[in-house]
Amino acid sequence: MKHIVLYTCAVMLIIGSTSALARIDFDVDIGVPPPPPQVETIPAPLPGYIWMPGYWAWEDGRHVWVGGRWIQDRPGYVWSPEHWEHRGDRWHFERGYWERK
């Protein structure tokens, strides 16, 4: 029985490590401004979660709305949401991230 538990833990550790390594981040700079944000109806709050607002992503040469969702709160941190920044004649996408308070 101990061998099965150890094997299961090892497999879960490998799978977790692999998915973390598979993440790919890249910058998006385009010449097209994003549309105005869509109005979202925020569902009732969930204890221990914060609302992550929706944003415009860039996929297949066009803006695509990604709806907001609840994410688990991190005490001592504040969520900085995804957004577009106008830089000269380009628009740069900034990914969301947790920032210390």
Protein backbone atom coordinates (compact mmCIF):
# COMPACT_ATOMS: atom_id res chain seq x y z
CA MET A 1 0.00 0.00 0.00
CA LYS A 2 2.86 2.40 0.83
CA HIS A 3 4.30 1.84 -2.63
CA ILE A 4 1.03 2.82 -4.31
CA VAL A 5 0.79 6.03 -2.25
CA LEU A 6 4.42 6.94 -2.98
CA TYR A 7 3.97 6.16 -6.69
CA THR A 8 0.79 8.28 -6.84
CA CYS A 9 2.53 11.21 -5.09
CA ALA A 10 5.50 10.96 -7.47
CA VAL A 11 3.23 10.97 -10.54
CA MET A 12 1.28 13.96 -9.24
CA LEU A 13 4.53 15.84 -8.57
CA ILE A 14 5.79 15.13 -12.10
CA ILE A 15 2.50 16.17 -13.69
CA GLY A 16 2.43 19.39 -11.64
CA SER A 17 6.04 20.18 -12.58
CA THR A 18 5.44 19.47 -16.25
CA SER A 19 2.42 21.76 -16.48
CA ALA A 20 4.36 24.55 -14.75
CA LEU A 21 7.20 24.15 -17.23
CA ALA A 22 4.81 24.10 -20.18
CA ARG A 23 3.64 27.67 -19.53
CA ILE A 24 4.74 30.06 -22.25
CA ASP A 25 4.65 33.83 -21.79
CA PHE A 26 5.11 36.28 -24.62
CA ASP A 27 4.52 39.97 -25.23
CA VAL A 28 1.75 41.25 -27.48
CA ASP A 29 2.26 44.59 -29.23
CA ILE A 30 -0.23 45.53 -31.92
CA GLY A 31 -1.30 48.61 -33.88
CA VAL A 32 -5.02 48.15 -33.16
CA PRO A 33 -6.57 49.63 -30.00
CA PRO A 34 -8.81 47.36 -27.93
CA PRO A 35 -12.58 47.96 -27.98
CA PRO A 36 -14.18 49.50 -24.88
CA PRO A 37 -14.51 47.02 -21.99
CA GLN A 38 -17.71 44.99 -21.98
CA VAL A 39 -20.13 45.49 -19.12
CA GLU A 40 -20.18 42.41 -16.93
CA THR A 41 -22.66 41.38 -14.28
CA ILE A 42 -20.58 40.27 -11.33
CA PRO A 43 -22.03 37.22 -9.59
CA ALA A 44 -22.49 37.16 -5.82
CA PRO A 45 -19.17 37.24 -3.96
CA LEU A 46 -17.51 34.03 -2.88
CA PRO A 47 -15.74 33.94 0.50
CA GLY A 48 -11.96 33.91 0.09
CA TYR A 49 -12.10 34.97 -3.59
CA ILE A 50 -11.80 38.25 -5.49
CA TRP A 51 -13.32 39.21 -8.82
CA MET A 52 -10.87 39.25 -11.72
CA PRO A 53 -12.47 41.55 -14.33
CA GLY A 54 -12.77 40.58 -17.97
CA TYR A 55 -10.41 41.94 -20.60
CA TRP A 56 -9.75 41.97 -24.34
CA ALA A 57 -7.19 39.37 -25.45
CA TRP A 58 -5.55 39.22 -28.90
CA GLU A 59 -6.17 35.91 -30.70
CA ASP A 60 -5.93 35.01 -34.39
CA GLY A 61 -5.49 38.64 -35.45
CA ARG A 62 -8.48 40.04 -33.55
CA HIS A 63 -9.62 41.11 -30.10
CA VAL A 64 -11.52 38.46 -28.16
CA TRP A 65 -13.33 39.14 -24.89
CA VAL A 66 -12.26 37.00 -21.92
CA GLY A 67 -14.97 37.13 -19.27
CA GLY A 68 -14.21 37.91 -15.64
CA ARG A 69 -14.11 35.22 -13.00
CA TRP A 70 -13.53 34.63 -9.31
CA ILE A 71 -9.93 33.84 -8.30
CA GLN A 72 -8.66 32.77 -4.90
CA ASP A 73 -7.54 35.71 -2.78
CA ARG A 74 -3.93 36.01 -1.64
CA PRO A 75 -3.72 37.81 1.71
CA GLY A 76 -1.08 40.55 1.64
CA TYR A 77 -1.40 40.94 -2.15
CA VAL A 78 -3.59 42.90 -4.54
CA TRP A 79 -4.54 41.73 -8.04
CA SER A 80 -3.38 43.98 -10.87
CA PRO A 81 -5.69 43.05 -13.77
CA GLU A 82 -4.85 42.49 -17.43
CA HIS A 83 -4.92 45.66 -19.49
CA TRP A 84 -3.69 47.34 -22.66
CA GLU A 85 -1.19 50.23 -22.57
CA HIS A 86 -0.80 52.72 -25.40
CA ARG A 87 2.91 53.00 -26.22
CA GLY A 88 3.65 55.38 -29.08
CA ASP A 89 1.85 53.99 -32.14
CA ARG A 90 1.41 50.51 -30.60
CA TRP A 91 -0.80 48.85 -27.99
CA HIS A 92 0.96 46.58 -25.47
CA PHE A 93 -0.87 43.88 -23.49
CA GLU A 94 0.04 43.63 -19.80
CA ARG A 95 -0.81 40.33 -18.13
CA GLY A 96 -2.47 40.34 -14.71
CA TYR A 97 -0.32 39.67 -11.68
CA TRP A 98 -0.30 39.67 -7.88
CA GLU A 99 1.47 42.61 -6.24
CA ARG A 100 2.39 43.01 -2.57
CA LYS A 101 0.31 45.61 -0.75
